[in-house]
Each structure stands twice: as structure tokens, then as C-alpha cells.
Amino acid sequence: MSYDLIKRDIRRDEGLRLKPYKDSVGKLSIGYGRNLDDIGITEEEAEILLAHDLYNAMQGLDHALPWWRNLDALKQRGLWNMAFNLGVPRLLKFKKMLAALQRGDWSAAADEALDSRWATQVGDRAKRIAELFRAEPGKET
């Protein structure tokens, strides 16, 4: 049996949908008919998605905030985490926090991150990111 031929058949018969959808029997699906309700994804697939999404967040930061590369590794990590979580367009709405990071006012950046609806939604994640913003460079947390 030919793998390439069955792959072609499945692509034709299922069609490609890049966002979740309900299939003909109401199962949440994605891609070429991946049944998320019954099958889900594997840990390996989750790691591939994570790597891809981290790369996209980094590229978004590079494009929108090229100065972020001049921050120390801890500040970069916090900002990258926020970009991953929020998406860069929503991250850009944190104007006061971003301005504080750009000028090196770590405490103000942390305070601005915590003084947001996002912080109440993500709880401890926001506290950990604020700690990264406040931390002295080179002090890995």
C-alpha cells in the first residue's frame, strides 16, 4: 500500500482546517480530521507546537520591539512569556510596562505588569514574571 496515496486521499476527503471545528458527528477536530475529543494530541505533538509557538512569539517581539534583545536574559524571559501568553498585539497594549522596561525601570515594569486585568487572570504567572522583571541581571530564578 502506498503511504503517499492514502495521505492524498485523506487530505482530499477530510480537507484542511487550521482552527478547531465540530465534525459531522459533533466531535471537536482540527487539521485533516484529527479528533481532539477522543484522540487529543501526543506529548511529542505538544512539544512541537510549543517550539513553534515560542519561535513565533520571539519573531513577533523582534519585529515589534527590537530593543527587547538588549534586555538581560531575565527580562527577556519575562517579556517572551507574556508575548507567548497574550500574543504580541495584546502585549503592545502594556505601554507603561514596555516603556519602563525600555528605560530600565525594573520595579515600575513589574508594578505595571501586576496592575492589569491580565495579572488577575493569570495569577501566579504574573507574579513570577514580575519577579523576573525585578531581578538583578545574572540571578537566575
C-alpha atoms as a PDB file:
ATOM      1  CA  MET A   1       0.000   0.000   0.000  1.00  0.00           C
ATOM      2  CA  SER A   2       1.215   3.496  -0.802  1.00  0.00           C
ATOM      3  CA  TYR A   3       1.518   5.932   2.098  1.00  0.00           C
ATOM      4  CA  ASP A   4       1.580   8.867  -0.318  1.00  0.00           C
ATOM      5  CA  LEU A   5      -1.677   7.792  -1.977  1.00  0.00           C
ATOM      6  CA  ILE A   6      -3.597   7.322   1.279  1.00  0.00           C
ATOM      7  CA  LYS A   7      -2.252  10.638   2.534  1.00  0.00           C
ATOM      8  CA  ARG A   8      -3.519  12.267  -0.661  1.00  0.00           C
ATOM      9  CA  ASP A   9      -6.918  10.602  -0.199  1.00  0.00           C
ATOM     10  CA  ILE A  10      -7.228  11.743   3.414  1.00  0.00           C
ATOM     11  CA  ARG A  11      -6.228  15.299   2.526  1.00  0.00           C
ATOM     12  CA  ARG A  12      -8.860  15.321  -0.214  1.00  0.00           C
ATOM     13  CA  ASP A  13     -11.603  13.689   1.845  1.00  0.00           C
ATOM     14  CA  GLU A  14     -11.049  15.490   5.141  1.00  0.00           C
ATOM     15  CA  GLY A  15      -9.873  18.876   3.920  1.00  0.00           C
ATOM     16  CA  LEU A  16      -7.530  21.047   5.944  1.00  0.00           C
ATOM     17  CA  ARG A  17      -8.893  23.229   8.725  1.00  0.00           C
ATOM     18  CA  LEU A  18      -6.337  25.146  10.728  1.00  0.00           C
ATOM     19  CA  LYS A  19      -8.739  26.103  13.501  1.00  0.00           C
ATOM     20  CA  PRO A  20     -10.803  23.749  15.658  1.00  0.00           C
ATOM     21  CA  TYR A  21     -14.200  22.807  14.247  1.00  0.00           C
ATOM     22  CA  LYS A  22     -17.024  20.397  15.005  1.00  0.00           C
ATOM     23  CA  ASP A  23     -17.042  17.472  12.591  1.00  0.00           C
ATOM     24  CA  SER A  24     -20.144  15.828  11.115  1.00  0.00           C
ATOM     25  CA  VAL A  25     -20.864  13.978  14.383  1.00  0.00           C
ATOM     26  CA  GLY A  26     -20.067  16.909  16.670  1.00  0.00           C
ATOM     27  CA  LYS A  27     -16.500  15.970  17.630  1.00  0.00           C
ATOM     28  CA  LEU A  28     -14.008  18.788  18.076  1.00  0.00           C
ATOM     29  CA  SER A  29     -11.444  18.337  15.312  1.00  0.00           C
ATOM     30  CA  ILE A  30      -8.541  20.164  13.684  1.00  0.00           C
ATOM     31  CA  GLY A  31      -6.196  19.800  10.737  1.00  0.00           C
ATOM     32  CA  TYR A  32      -7.063  16.882   8.479  1.00  0.00           C
ATOM     33  CA  GLY A  33      -9.791  15.489  10.709  1.00  0.00           C
ATOM     34  CA  ARG A  34      -7.796  14.997  13.951  1.00  0.00           C
ATOM     35  CA  ASN A  35     -10.435  14.122  16.553  1.00  0.00           C
ATOM     36  CA  LEU A  36      -9.415  16.198  19.554  1.00  0.00           C
ATOM     37  CA  ASP A  37     -12.275  14.953  21.728  1.00  0.00           C
ATOM     38  CA  ASP A  38     -11.282  11.287  21.518  1.00  0.00           C
ATOM     39  CA  ILE A  39      -7.615  11.345  20.469  1.00  0.00           C
ATOM     40  CA  GLY A  40      -6.247  14.720  21.532  1.00  0.00           C
ATOM     41  CA  ILE A  41      -2.571  15.216  20.774  1.00  0.00           C
ATOM     42  CA  THR A  42       0.534  13.388  21.905  1.00  0.00           C
ATOM     43  CA  GLU A  43       3.176  14.880  24.194  1.00  0.00           C
ATOM     44  CA  GLU A  44       5.536  14.933  21.211  1.00  0.00           C
ATOM     45  CA  GLU A  45       2.989  16.920  19.187  1.00  0.00           C
ATOM     46  CA  ALA A  46       2.507  19.301  22.106  1.00  0.00           C
ATOM     47  CA  GLU A  47       6.280  19.884  22.244  1.00  0.00           C
ATOM     48  CA  ILE A  48       6.347  20.611  18.504  1.00  0.00           C
ATOM     49  CA  LEU A  49       3.517  23.109  18.912  1.00  0.00           C
ATOM     50  CA  LEU A  50       5.277  24.718  21.887  1.00  0.00           C
ATOM     51  CA  ALA A  51       8.525  25.122  19.957  1.00  0.00           C
ATOM     52  CA  HIS A  52       6.665  26.625  17.019  1.00  0.00           C
ATOM     53  CA  ASP A  53       4.657  28.999  19.211  1.00  0.00           C
ATOM     54  CA  LEU A  54       7.760  30.110  21.145  1.00  0.00           C
ATOM     55  CA  TYR A  55       9.529  30.840  17.873  1.00  0.00           C
ATOM     56  CA  ASN A  56       6.544  32.850  16.608  1.00  0.00           C
ATOM     57  CA  ALA A  57       6.399  34.854  19.845  1.00  0.00           C
ATOM     58  CA  MET A  58      10.131  35.600  19.574  1.00  0.00           C
ATOM     59  CA  GLN A  59       9.765  36.679  15.950  1.00  0.00           C
ATOM     60  CA  GLY A  60       6.851  38.911  16.923  1.00  0.00           C
ATOM     61  CA  LEU A  61       8.936  40.543  19.640  1.00  0.00           C
ATOM     62  CA  ASP A  62      11.850  41.012  17.239  1.00  0.00           C
ATOM     63  CA  HIS A  63       9.563  42.751  14.779  1.00  0.00           C
ATOM     64  CA  ALA A  64       7.526  44.904  17.190  1.00  0.00           C
ATOM     65  CA  LEU A  65      10.083  45.588  19.943  1.00  0.00           C
ATOM     66  CA  PRO A  66      13.588  45.111  18.553  1.00  0.00           C
ATOM     67  CA  TRP A  67      15.059  46.666  21.716  1.00  0.00           C
ATOM     68  CA  TRP A  68      13.912  43.648  23.740  1.00  0.00           C
ATOM     69  CA  ARG A  69      17.113  41.850  22.660  1.00  0.00           C
ATOM     70  CA  ASN A  70      19.126  44.418  24.657  1.00  0.00           C
ATOM     71  CA  LEU A  71      17.426  43.423  27.916  1.00  0.00           C
ATOM     72  CA  ASP A  72      19.150  40.967  30.236  1.00  0.00           C
ATOM     73  CA  ALA A  73      18.116  37.321  29.963  1.00  0.00           C
ATOM     74  CA  LEU A  74      15.658  37.514  32.874  1.00  0.00           C
ATOM     75  CA  LYS A  75      13.738  40.467  31.434  1.00  0.00           C
ATOM     76  CA  GLN A  76      13.747  38.809  28.012  1.00  0.00           C
ATOM     77  CA  ARG A  77      12.340  35.647  29.548  1.00  0.00           C
ATOM     78  CA  GLY A  78       9.532  37.528  31.247  1.00  0.00           C
ATOM     79  CA  LEU A  79       8.624  39.508  28.148  1.00  0.00           C
ATOM     80  CA  TRP A  80       8.778  36.393  25.951  1.00  0.00           C
ATOM     81  CA  ASN A  81       6.485  34.580  28.387  1.00  0.00           C
ATOM     82  CA  MET A  82       3.981  37.432  28.172  1.00  0.00           C
ATOM     83  CA  ALA A  83       4.225  37.506  24.361  1.00  0.00           C
ATOM     84  CA  PHE A  84       3.555  33.771  24.265  1.00  0.00           C
ATOM     85  CA  ASN A  85       0.594  34.078  26.618  1.00  0.00           C
ATOM     86  CA  LEU A  86      -1.009  37.248  25.279  1.00  0.00           C
ATOM     87  CA  GLY A  87       0.213  37.405  21.718  1.00  0.00           C
ATOM     88  CA  VAL A  88       2.338  40.374  20.662  1.00  0.00           C
ATOM     89  CA  PRO A  89      -0.605  42.594  19.608  1.00  0.00           C
ATOM     90  CA  ARG A  90      -2.121  42.423  23.107  1.00  0.00           C
ATOM     91  CA  LEU A  91       1.294  42.710  24.749  1.00  0.00           C
ATOM     92  CA  LEU A  92       1.803  46.019  22.926  1.00  0.00           C
ATOM     93  CA  LYS A  93      -1.138  47.442  24.894  1.00  0.00           C
ATOM     94  CA  PHE A  94       1.060  47.324  28.028  1.00  0.00           C
ATOM     95  CA  LYS A  95       2.534  50.679  27.019  1.00  0.00           C
ATOM     96  CA  LYS A  96       3.646  51.812  30.501  1.00  0.00           C
ATOM     97  CA  MET A  97       5.212  48.460  31.311  1.00  0.00           C
ATOM     98  CA  LEU A  98       7.057  48.353  27.984  1.00  0.00           C
ATOM     99  CA  ALA A  99       8.276  51.925  28.404  1.00  0.00           C
ATOM    100  CA  ALA A 100       9.558  51.062  31.885  1.00  0.00           C
ATOM    101  CA  LEU A 101      11.400  48.014  30.540  1.00  0.00           C
ATOM    102  CA  GLN A 102      12.907  50.031  27.727  1.00  0.00           C
ATOM    103  CA  ARG A 103      14.230  52.693  30.118  1.00  0.00           C
ATOM    104  CA  GLY A 104      15.450  50.115  32.652  1.00  0.00           C
ATOM    105  CA  ASP A 105      12.954  50.877  35.432  1.00  0.00           C
ATOM    106  CA  TRP A 106      12.518  47.269  36.508  1.00  0.00           C
ATOM    107  CA  SER A 107      10.339  47.954  39.537  1.00  0.00           C
ATOM    108  CA  ALA A 108       7.919  50.103  37.543  1.00  0.00           C
ATOM    109  CA  ALA A 109       7.759  47.445  34.812  1.00  0.00           C
ATOM    110  CA  ALA A 110       6.893  44.790  37.385  1.00  0.00           C
ATOM    111  CA  ASP A 111       4.288  47.036  39.023  1.00  0.00           C
ATOM    112  CA  GLU A 112       2.681  47.799  35.659  1.00  0.00           C
ATOM    113  CA  ALA A 113       2.525  44.115  34.763  1.00  0.00           C
ATOM    114  CA  LEU A 114       0.832  43.342  38.070  1.00  0.00           C
ATOM    115  CA  ASP A 115      -1.561  46.289  37.803  1.00  0.00           C
ATOM    116  CA  SER A 116      -3.567  44.757  34.981  1.00  0.00           C
ATOM    117  CA  ARG A 117      -6.576  42.609  34.285  1.00  0.00           C
ATOM    118  CA  TRP A 118      -4.170  40.100  32.758  1.00  0.00           C
ATOM    119  CA  ALA A 119      -2.421  39.697  36.133  1.00  0.00           C
ATOM    120  CA  THR A 120      -5.703  38.851  37.851  1.00  0.00           C
ATOM    121  CA  GLN A 121      -6.466  36.330  35.101  1.00  0.00           C
ATOM    122  CA  VAL A 122      -3.131  34.503  35.215  1.00  0.00           C
ATOM    123  CA  GLY A 123      -2.382  34.858  38.943  1.00  0.00           C
ATOM    124  CA  ASP A 124       0.947  33.305  39.923  1.00  0.00           C
ATOM    125  CA  ARG A 125       2.260  33.516  36.382  1.00  0.00           C
ATOM    126  CA  ALA A 126       2.106  37.323  36.571  1.00  0.00           C
ATOM    127  CA  LYS A 127       3.883  37.263  39.943  1.00  0.00           C
ATOM    128  CA  ARG A 128       6.674  35.087  38.540  1.00  0.00           C
ATOM    129  CA  ILE A 129       7.094  37.377  35.533  1.00  0.00           C
ATOM    130  CA  ALA A 130       7.147  40.447  37.788  1.00  0.00           C
ATOM    131  CA  GLU A 131       9.930  38.739  39.783  1.00  0.00           C
ATOM    132  CA  LEU A 132      11.896  38.296  36.560  1.00  0.00           C
ATOM    133  CA  PHE A 133      11.464  41.985  35.782  1.00  0.00           C
ATOM    134  CA  ARG A 134      12.649  42.983  39.281  1.00  0.00           C
ATOM    135  CA  ALA A 135      15.553  40.511  39.475  1.00  0.00           C
ATOM    136  CA  GLU A 136      19.138  41.617  39.223  1.00  0.00           C
ATOM    137  CA  PRO A 137      20.741  40.546  35.941  1.00  0.00           C
ATOM    138  CA  GLY A 138      22.558  37.242  36.214  1.00  0.00           C
ATOM    139  CA  LYS A 139      20.479  35.986  39.154  1.00  0.00           C
ATOM    140  CA  GLU A 140      18.689  33.072  37.566  1.00  0.00           C
ATOM    141  CA  THR A 141      15.277  32.381  39.114  1.00  0.00           C
END
